[in-house]
Amino acid sequence: MCSSDLWTVVDWKTGALPDENAAKARAVQLAAYRLAWASLSNSPLASVRAAFHYVAANRTVRPVDLLDADGLRALIGAVPVEPD
């Protein structure tokens, strides 16, 4: 891969466009996909973009504030765990 290569991970959605809260939750999934592709392709995270494409609406949405690995770890770490 050349340093100028850019990737775009696209998550195709067949359902309706989500409301704001659902869109934020889906962005976590997309951030994980983006991070996974960067790792699998041995690419810098900055060279991997990500988007949702909502088929029924024929609309592509590119969240601009996707979490990186540290952000995903922090989010997961903040999930409360019930004691056994």
Protein backbone atom coordinates (compact mmCIF):
# COMPACT_ATOMS: atom_id res chain seq x y z
CA MET A 1 0.00 0.00 0.00
CA CYS A 2 1.23 3.47 -0.87
CA SER A 3 1.05 6.19 1.76
CA SER A 4 -1.45 8.02 -0.47
CA ASP A 5 -3.93 5.11 -0.53
CA LEU A 6 -7.27 5.78 1.07
CA TRP A 7 -9.88 3.22 2.01
CA THR A 8 -13.59 3.64 2.65
CA VAL A 9 -15.44 1.05 4.69
CA VAL A 10 -19.14 1.10 3.78
CA ASP A 11 -21.81 -0.51 5.94
CA TRP A 12 -24.85 -1.04 3.74
CA LYS A 13 -28.12 -0.66 5.65
CA THR A 14 -31.46 -1.85 4.34
CA GLY A 15 -33.56 -0.19 7.04
CA ALA A 16 -34.69 3.39 7.46
CA LEU A 17 -32.43 6.26 8.43
CA PRO A 18 -31.99 6.22 12.22
CA ASP A 19 -32.91 8.94 14.66
CA GLU A 20 -30.08 10.86 16.34
CA ASN A 21 -29.65 8.46 19.29
CA ALA A 22 -29.65 5.34 17.11
CA ALA A 23 -27.21 7.02 14.70
CA LYS A 24 -24.76 7.57 17.59
CA ALA A 25 -25.00 3.91 18.60
CA ARG A 26 -24.47 2.75 15.01
CA ALA A 27 -21.42 4.99 14.74
CA VAL A 28 -19.75 2.84 17.42
CA GLN A 29 -20.21 -0.21 15.18
CA LEU A 30 -18.83 1.68 12.20
CA ALA A 31 -15.83 2.84 14.23
CA ALA A 32 -15.08 -0.80 15.09
CA TYR A 33 -15.31 -1.79 11.41
CA ARG A 34 -12.96 1.07 10.48
CA LEU A 35 -10.45 0.08 13.14
CA ALA A 36 -10.63 -3.57 12.07
CA TRP A 37 -9.98 -2.71 8.42
CA ALA A 38 -7.04 -0.49 9.32
CA SER A 39 -5.55 -3.38 11.29
CA LEU A 40 -6.28 -6.04 8.65
CA SER A 41 -4.91 -3.92 5.80
CA ASN A 42 -1.96 -2.64 7.85
CA SER A 43 -3.09 0.90 7.08
CA PRO A 44 -2.89 3.99 9.26
CA LEU A 45 -6.30 4.70 10.79
CA ALA A 46 -6.21 8.18 9.27
CA SER A 47 -6.28 6.61 5.79
CA VAL A 48 -9.48 4.67 6.48
CA ARG A 49 -12.78 6.49 6.12
CA ALA A 50 -16.15 4.98 6.92
CA ALA A 51 -19.75 5.50 5.89
CA PHE A 52 -23.23 4.06 6.09
CA HIS A 53 -25.25 3.72 2.91
CA TYR A 54 -29.00 3.54 3.48
CA VAL A 55 -30.29 1.67 0.45
CA ALA A 56 -33.99 2.58 0.69
CA ALA A 57 -33.22 6.28 1.00
CA ASN A 58 -30.25 6.12 -1.41
CA ARG A 59 -28.31 8.20 1.09
CA THR A 60 -24.74 7.89 2.28
CA VAL A 61 -23.89 9.18 5.74
CA ARG A 62 -20.28 9.74 6.80
CA PRO A 63 -20.00 10.33 10.55
CA VAL A 64 -17.14 12.71 11.25
CA ASP A 65 -16.47 11.89 14.88
CA LEU A 66 -15.79 8.14 14.83
CA LEU A 67 -13.95 6.75 17.83
CA ASP A 68 -10.40 5.47 17.56
CA ALA A 69 -9.06 2.45 19.47
CA ASP A 70 -8.58 4.43 22.70
CA GLY A 71 -12.08 5.87 22.42
CA LEU A 72 -13.62 2.43 21.86
CA ARG A 73 -11.68 1.01 24.84
CA ALA A 74 -12.88 3.87 27.04
CA LEU A 75 -16.48 3.38 25.92
CA ILE A 76 -16.36 -0.35 26.62
CA GLY A 77 -14.64 0.24 29.94
CA ALA A 78 -17.42 2.61 30.99
CA VAL A 79 -20.14 -0.03 30.58
CA PRO A 80 -21.36 -1.00 34.04
CA VAL A 81 -20.89 -4.66 34.97
CA GLU A 82 -23.31 -6.40 37.30
CA PRO A 83 -21.66 -8.33 40.10
CA ASP A 84 -21.94 -12.12 40.01
